[in-house]
N, C-alpha and C. Protein backbone atom coordinates (compact mmCIF):
# COMPACT_ATOMS: atom_id res chain seq x y z
N MET A 1 0.82 -1.18 0.00
CA MET A 1 0.00 0.00 0.00
C MET A 1 0.87 1.25 0.00
N ILE A 2 1.92 1.22 0.77
CA ILE A 2 2.83 2.38 0.81
C ILE A 2 3.53 2.53 -0.53
N ARG A 3 3.86 1.41 -1.17
CA ARG A 3 4.50 1.48 -2.49
C ARG A 3 3.57 2.15 -3.50
N ARG A 4 2.28 1.89 -3.42
CA ARG A 4 1.34 2.52 -4.35
C ARG A 4 1.28 4.03 -4.15
N PHE A 5 1.23 4.47 -2.89
CA PHE A 5 1.22 5.91 -2.64
C PHE A 5 2.51 6.56 -3.13
N ARG A 6 3.62 5.88 -2.91
CA ARG A 6 4.91 6.45 -3.31
C ARG A 6 5.03 6.47 -4.83
N ALA A 7 4.45 5.45 -5.50
CA ALA A 7 4.52 5.40 -6.96
C ALA A 7 3.70 6.52 -7.59
N CYS A 8 2.69 7.00 -6.90
CA CYS A 8 1.88 8.10 -7.43
C CYS A 8 2.60 9.44 -7.31
N GLY A 9 3.69 9.48 -6.59
CA GLY A 9 4.45 10.72 -6.45
C GLY A 9 3.89 11.65 -5.41
N LEU A 10 3.08 11.13 -4.50
CA LEU A 10 2.51 11.98 -3.46
C LEU A 10 3.52 12.17 -2.34
N GLU A 11 3.59 13.36 -1.82
CA GLU A 11 4.47 13.62 -0.69
C GLU A 11 3.60 13.88 0.53
N PHE A 12 3.91 13.18 1.60
CA PHE A 12 3.17 13.35 2.84
C PHE A 12 4.01 14.17 3.79
N LYS A 13 3.48 15.29 4.21
CA LYS A 13 4.21 16.18 5.11
C LYS A 13 3.51 16.21 6.45
N GLU A 14 4.32 16.30 7.48
CA GLU A 14 3.78 16.47 8.82
C GLU A 14 3.42 17.93 9.02
N SER A 15 2.93 18.26 10.18
CA SER A 15 2.56 19.65 10.48
C SER A 15 3.78 20.58 10.46
N ASP A 16 4.97 20.00 10.70
CA ASP A 16 6.19 20.80 10.68
C ASP A 16 6.71 21.01 9.26
N GLY A 17 6.14 20.32 8.28
CA GLY A 17 6.61 20.42 6.91
C GLY A 17 7.68 19.40 6.58
N PHE A 18 7.93 18.42 7.49
CA PHE A 18 8.96 17.41 7.26
C PHE A 18 8.36 16.27 6.44
N THR A 19 9.04 15.85 5.38
CA THR A 19 8.61 14.70 4.58
C THR A 19 9.47 13.49 4.93
N HIS A 20 8.80 12.32 5.00
CA HIS A 20 9.53 11.08 5.31
C HIS A 20 10.08 10.47 4.03
N ASP A 21 11.18 9.78 4.18
CA ASP A 21 11.73 9.01 3.07
C ASP A 21 11.11 7.61 3.18
N TRP A 22 9.98 7.40 2.49
CA TRP A 22 9.21 6.18 2.63
C TRP A 22 9.93 4.95 2.09
N PHE A 23 10.82 5.13 1.14
CA PHE A 23 11.51 3.96 0.58
C PHE A 23 12.39 3.28 1.62
N THR A 24 12.93 4.01 2.56
CA THR A 24 13.75 3.38 3.59
C THR A 24 12.89 2.69 4.64
N LEU A 25 11.64 3.13 4.79
CA LEU A 25 10.76 2.55 5.80
C LEU A 25 9.92 1.38 5.30
N ILE A 26 9.86 1.20 3.98
CA ILE A 26 8.98 0.17 3.41
C ILE A 26 9.29 -1.24 3.91
N PRO A 27 10.53 -1.73 3.93
CA PRO A 27 10.77 -3.10 4.40
C PRO A 27 10.33 -3.32 5.85
N ALA A 28 10.57 -2.36 6.72
CA ALA A 28 10.18 -2.52 8.12
C ALA A 28 8.66 -2.49 8.27
N LEU A 29 8.00 -1.63 7.51
CA LEU A 29 6.54 -1.56 7.57
C LEU A 29 5.89 -2.83 7.03
N GLU A 30 6.42 -3.37 5.94
CA GLU A 30 5.88 -4.61 5.39
C GLU A 30 6.06 -5.77 6.35
N LEU A 31 7.22 -5.85 7.00
CA LEU A 31 7.46 -6.91 7.97
C LEU A 31 6.49 -6.79 9.15
N ALA A 32 6.28 -5.58 9.63
CA ALA A 32 5.37 -5.38 10.75
C ALA A 32 3.94 -5.75 10.36
N TYR A 33 3.54 -5.41 9.15
CA TYR A 33 2.18 -5.70 8.71
C TYR A 33 1.96 -7.20 8.50
N LYS A 34 2.94 -7.87 7.89
CA LYS A 34 2.78 -9.29 7.59
C LYS A 34 2.86 -10.17 8.83
N THR A 35 3.59 -9.75 9.85
CA THR A 35 3.75 -10.59 11.03
C THR A 35 2.72 -10.29 12.12
N SER A 36 1.92 -9.25 11.95
CA SER A 36 0.90 -8.93 12.95
C SER A 36 -0.35 -9.78 12.72
N ILE A 37 -1.12 -9.96 13.78
CA ILE A 37 -2.36 -10.73 13.70
C ILE A 37 -3.50 -9.76 13.43
N HIS A 38 -4.27 -10.06 12.39
CA HIS A 38 -5.38 -9.20 12.01
C HIS A 38 -6.69 -9.83 12.47
N SER A 39 -7.74 -9.04 12.52
CA SER A 39 -9.02 -9.54 13.02
C SER A 39 -9.58 -10.70 12.20
N PRO A 40 -9.47 -10.73 10.86
CA PRO A 40 -10.01 -11.90 10.15
C PRO A 40 -9.11 -13.13 10.20
N THR A 41 -7.93 -13.02 10.81
CA THR A 41 -7.02 -14.15 10.89
C THR A 41 -7.52 -15.13 11.95
N VAL A 42 -7.79 -16.37 11.54
CA VAL A 42 -8.27 -17.40 12.45
C VAL A 42 -7.41 -18.63 12.25
N GLU A 43 -6.96 -19.20 13.34
CA GLU A 43 -6.18 -20.42 13.26
C GLU A 43 -7.00 -21.56 13.84
N PHE A 44 -7.14 -22.63 13.07
CA PHE A 44 -7.89 -23.79 13.52
C PHE A 44 -6.91 -24.88 13.93
N SER A 45 -7.16 -25.44 15.08
CA SER A 45 -6.34 -26.56 15.50
C SER A 45 -7.03 -27.86 15.10
N GLY A 46 -6.34 -28.96 15.20
CA GLY A 46 -6.92 -30.25 14.85
C GLY A 46 -8.09 -30.62 15.74
N GLU A 47 -8.08 -30.15 16.99
CA GLU A 47 -9.17 -30.48 17.90
C GLU A 47 -10.48 -29.84 17.47
N LEU A 48 -10.42 -28.61 16.99
CA LEU A 48 -11.65 -27.92 16.60
C LEU A 48 -12.28 -28.53 15.36
N GLU A 49 -11.49 -29.10 14.48
CA GLU A 49 -12.03 -29.68 13.25
C GLU A 49 -12.80 -30.96 13.52
N ASN A 50 -12.44 -31.70 14.56
CA ASN A 50 -13.06 -33.00 14.81
C ASN A 50 -14.24 -32.94 15.77
N LYS A 51 -14.50 -31.82 16.40
CA LYS A 51 -15.59 -31.73 17.37
C LYS A 51 -16.88 -31.34 16.69
N HIS A 52 -17.99 -31.78 17.27
CA HIS A 52 -19.30 -31.38 16.77
C HIS A 52 -19.70 -30.06 17.43
N PRO A 53 -20.56 -29.29 16.79
CA PRO A 53 -20.96 -28.00 17.37
C PRO A 53 -21.79 -28.21 18.64
N THR A 54 -21.58 -27.35 19.61
CA THR A 54 -22.30 -27.45 20.87
C THR A 54 -23.05 -26.15 21.14
N PHE A 55 -24.02 -26.23 22.03
CA PHE A 55 -24.80 -25.07 22.43
C PHE A 55 -24.40 -24.70 23.85
N PRO A 56 -23.99 -23.46 24.10
CA PRO A 56 -23.56 -23.08 25.45
C PRO A 56 -24.70 -23.16 26.45
N VAL A 57 -24.42 -23.68 27.61
CA VAL A 57 -25.42 -23.83 28.66
C VAL A 57 -25.87 -22.46 29.17
N SER A 58 -25.00 -21.47 29.08
CA SER A 58 -25.35 -20.14 29.58
C SER A 58 -26.48 -19.49 28.78
N PHE A 59 -26.74 -19.97 27.56
CA PHE A 59 -27.81 -19.40 26.74
C PHE A 59 -29.19 -19.97 27.09
N ARG A 60 -29.23 -21.01 27.89
CA ARG A 60 -30.51 -21.63 28.23
C ARG A 60 -31.32 -20.71 29.14
N ARG A 61 -32.63 -20.73 28.95
CA ARG A 61 -33.53 -19.97 29.80
C ARG A 61 -34.60 -20.91 30.33
N PRO A 62 -35.10 -20.68 31.54
CA PRO A 62 -36.15 -21.57 32.06
C PRO A 62 -37.44 -21.39 31.28
N TYR A 63 -38.21 -22.45 31.22
CA TYR A 63 -39.49 -22.44 30.50
C TYR A 63 -40.57 -21.82 31.38
N HIS A 64 -41.34 -20.90 30.80
CA HIS A 64 -42.49 -20.31 31.48
C HIS A 64 -43.70 -20.53 30.60
N SER A 65 -44.75 -21.08 31.18
CA SER A 65 -45.96 -21.30 30.39
C SER A 65 -46.62 -19.96 30.08
N ALA A 66 -47.46 -19.94 29.05
CA ALA A 66 -48.12 -18.71 28.62
C ALA A 66 -49.06 -18.21 29.71
N ASP A 67 -48.94 -16.95 30.05
CA ASP A 67 -49.77 -16.34 31.08
C ASP A 67 -51.10 -15.92 30.47
N LYS A 68 -52.21 -16.35 31.07
CA LYS A 68 -53.54 -16.02 30.54
C LYS A 68 -53.83 -14.53 30.62
N GLU A 69 -53.27 -13.84 31.61
CA GLU A 69 -53.52 -12.40 31.74
C GLU A 69 -52.76 -11.62 30.67
N LEU A 70 -51.55 -12.03 30.37
CA LEU A 70 -50.76 -11.33 29.35
C LEU A 70 -51.25 -11.64 27.95
N PHE A 71 -51.67 -12.88 27.72
CA PHE A 71 -52.10 -13.32 26.39
C PHE A 71 -53.50 -13.92 26.49
N PRO A 72 -54.55 -13.09 26.57
CA PRO A 72 -55.90 -13.65 26.74
C PRO A 72 -56.43 -14.37 25.51
N LEU A 73 -55.94 -14.02 24.32
CA LEU A 73 -56.46 -14.65 23.10
C LEU A 73 -55.72 -15.93 22.72
N ARG A 74 -54.66 -16.23 23.43
CA ARG A 74 -53.87 -17.43 23.11
C ARG A 74 -54.51 -18.63 23.79
N ASN A 75 -55.04 -19.52 22.97
CA ASN A 75 -55.67 -20.74 23.49
C ASN A 75 -54.84 -21.94 23.05
N PRO A 76 -54.51 -22.82 23.98
CA PRO A 76 -53.75 -24.00 23.58
C PRO A 76 -54.62 -24.92 22.73
N THR A 77 -54.03 -25.50 21.72
CA THR A 77 -54.78 -26.40 20.85
C THR A 77 -54.98 -27.73 21.57
N PRO A 78 -56.20 -28.24 21.58
CA PRO A 78 -56.44 -29.52 22.26
C PRO A 78 -55.83 -30.67 21.46
N LEU A 79 -55.30 -31.63 22.17
CA LEU A 79 -54.72 -32.80 21.52
C LEU A 79 -55.83 -33.75 21.12
N THR A 80 -55.78 -34.21 19.90
CA THR A 80 -56.79 -35.16 19.42
C THR A 80 -56.16 -36.54 19.32
N VAL A 81 -56.84 -37.49 19.86
CA VAL A 81 -56.37 -38.87 19.82
C VAL A 81 -57.04 -39.55 18.64
N PRO A 82 -56.27 -40.14 17.74
CA PRO A 82 -56.90 -40.80 16.60
C PRO A 82 -57.73 -42.00 17.06
N SER A 83 -58.85 -42.18 16.41
CA SER A 83 -59.72 -43.28 16.80
C SER A 83 -59.16 -44.59 16.24
N VAL A 84 -59.23 -45.60 17.05
CA VAL A 84 -58.76 -46.92 16.66
C VAL A 84 -59.99 -47.82 16.55
N GLU A 85 -60.20 -48.34 15.37
CA GLU A 85 -61.36 -49.20 15.15
C GLU A 85 -61.01 -50.62 15.57
N GLN A 86 -61.77 -51.12 16.47
CA GLN A 86 -61.58 -52.49 16.90
C GLN A 86 -62.62 -53.35 16.20
N SER A 87 -62.14 -54.22 15.38
CA SER A 87 -63.05 -55.15 14.73
C SER A 87 -62.49 -56.56 14.87
N GLU A 88 -63.31 -57.49 14.49
CA GLU A 88 -62.90 -58.88 14.62
C GLU A 88 -61.75 -59.20 13.67
N ASP A 89 -61.70 -58.47 12.55
CA ASP A 89 -60.66 -58.73 11.56
C ASP A 89 -59.29 -58.22 12.01
N LYS A 90 -59.27 -57.23 12.91
CA LYS A 90 -58.01 -56.60 13.29
C LYS A 90 -57.65 -56.92 14.74
N THR A 91 -57.73 -58.15 15.13
CA THR A 91 -57.33 -58.55 16.47
C THR A 91 -55.84 -58.89 16.44
N ILE A 92 -55.09 -58.33 17.37
CA ILE A 92 -53.63 -58.52 17.38
C ILE A 92 -53.30 -59.88 17.96
N LYS A 93 -52.47 -60.62 17.21
CA LYS A 93 -52.03 -61.93 17.66
C LYS A 93 -50.73 -61.81 18.44
N LYS A 94 -49.77 -61.04 17.89
CA LYS A 94 -48.46 -60.95 18.54
C LYS A 94 -47.81 -59.63 18.17
N VAL A 95 -47.12 -59.03 19.15
CA VAL A 95 -46.33 -57.82 18.90
C VAL A 95 -44.91 -58.27 18.61
N MET A 96 -44.45 -58.01 17.38
CA MET A 96 -43.12 -58.47 16.96
C MET A 96 -42.01 -57.51 17.42
N LYS A 97 -42.20 -56.22 17.15
CA LYS A 97 -41.18 -55.23 17.50
C LYS A 97 -41.83 -53.97 18.03
N GLU A 98 -41.03 -53.24 18.78
CA GLU A 98 -41.48 -51.95 19.31
C GLU A 98 -40.34 -50.96 19.13
N ARG A 99 -40.69 -49.75 18.69
CA ARG A 99 -39.65 -48.73 18.56
C ARG A 99 -40.22 -47.38 18.97
N ARG A 100 -39.34 -46.56 19.51
CA ARG A 100 -39.73 -45.23 19.98
C ARG A 100 -39.13 -44.20 19.04
N LEU A 101 -39.98 -43.33 18.47
CA LEU A 101 -39.52 -42.27 17.58
C LEU A 101 -39.03 -41.10 18.42
N ARG A 102 -37.83 -40.61 18.11
CA ARG A 102 -37.23 -39.56 18.93
C ARG A 102 -37.97 -38.23 18.83
N GLY A 103 -38.04 -37.69 17.62
CA GLY A 103 -38.58 -36.34 17.45
C GLY A 103 -40.06 -36.24 17.74
N LYS A 104 -40.82 -37.28 17.43
CA LYS A 104 -42.28 -37.22 17.57
C LYS A 104 -42.76 -37.70 18.94
N ASN A 105 -41.88 -38.32 19.71
CA ASN A 105 -42.22 -38.83 21.04
C ASN A 105 -43.39 -39.81 20.96
N GLN A 106 -43.30 -40.74 20.02
CA GLN A 106 -44.34 -41.74 19.81
C GLN A 106 -43.70 -43.13 19.83
N THR A 107 -44.54 -44.11 20.08
CA THR A 107 -44.11 -45.50 20.03
C THR A 107 -44.84 -46.19 18.89
N GLU A 108 -44.09 -46.93 18.07
CA GLU A 108 -44.68 -47.69 16.97
C GLU A 108 -44.49 -49.17 17.24
N TYR A 109 -45.44 -49.96 16.77
CA TYR A 109 -45.40 -51.40 16.99
C TYR A 109 -45.53 -52.12 15.66
N LEU A 110 -44.78 -53.21 15.51
CA LEU A 110 -44.93 -54.11 14.38
C LEU A 110 -45.69 -55.32 14.91
N VAL A 111 -46.89 -55.54 14.36
CA VAL A 111 -47.78 -56.56 14.92
C VAL A 111 -48.18 -57.58 13.87
N ILE A 112 -48.62 -58.74 14.34
CA ILE A 112 -49.21 -59.78 13.50
C ILE A 112 -50.66 -59.91 13.95
N TYR A 113 -51.58 -59.85 12.98
CA TYR A 113 -53.01 -59.94 13.28
C TYR A 113 -53.46 -61.39 13.23
N ARG A 114 -54.52 -61.71 13.95
CA ARG A 114 -55.08 -63.07 13.94
C ARG A 114 -55.71 -63.39 12.59
N HIS A 115 -56.48 -62.48 12.08
CA HIS A 115 -57.12 -62.66 10.78
C HIS A 115 -56.59 -61.58 9.85
N PRO A 116 -55.50 -61.83 9.15
CA PRO A 116 -54.92 -60.78 8.32
C PRO A 116 -55.88 -60.34 7.22
N VAL A 117 -55.89 -59.05 6.98
CA VAL A 117 -56.74 -58.47 5.94
C VAL A 117 -55.88 -58.32 4.70
N HIS A 118 -56.30 -58.94 3.63
CA HIS A 118 -55.56 -58.85 2.37
C HIS A 118 -56.20 -57.80 1.50
N GLU A 119 -55.47 -56.71 1.27
CA GLU A 119 -55.99 -55.65 0.41
C GLU A 119 -55.37 -55.79 -0.95
N ASP A 120 -56.20 -55.74 -1.98
CA ASP A 120 -55.70 -55.89 -3.34
C ASP A 120 -55.45 -54.56 -3.98
């Protein structure tokens, strides 16, 4: 950057009228600039590359349910339970497997029926 200013032929004077000889200062200024740590300079170690991202515990806040006085129009949606039709054709003979879904907080079952229904 200093070389560009000097190449333009600009002279920089102090308040006393003294001009610097920038050509003698260029090597020292370049060395100081190249060896200093700048704000966008980031060094990654091997440990940081192999870790998964984490959420700081200090960012957690306690849960507060919705206050009816502050939010009078906010009504919680009622949970609807799906209807299960019990018929003679769908009687469970044996539960083969059970699994719990993480995100949905549900349990699913793999079952064998006594009278299997064949749908074409």
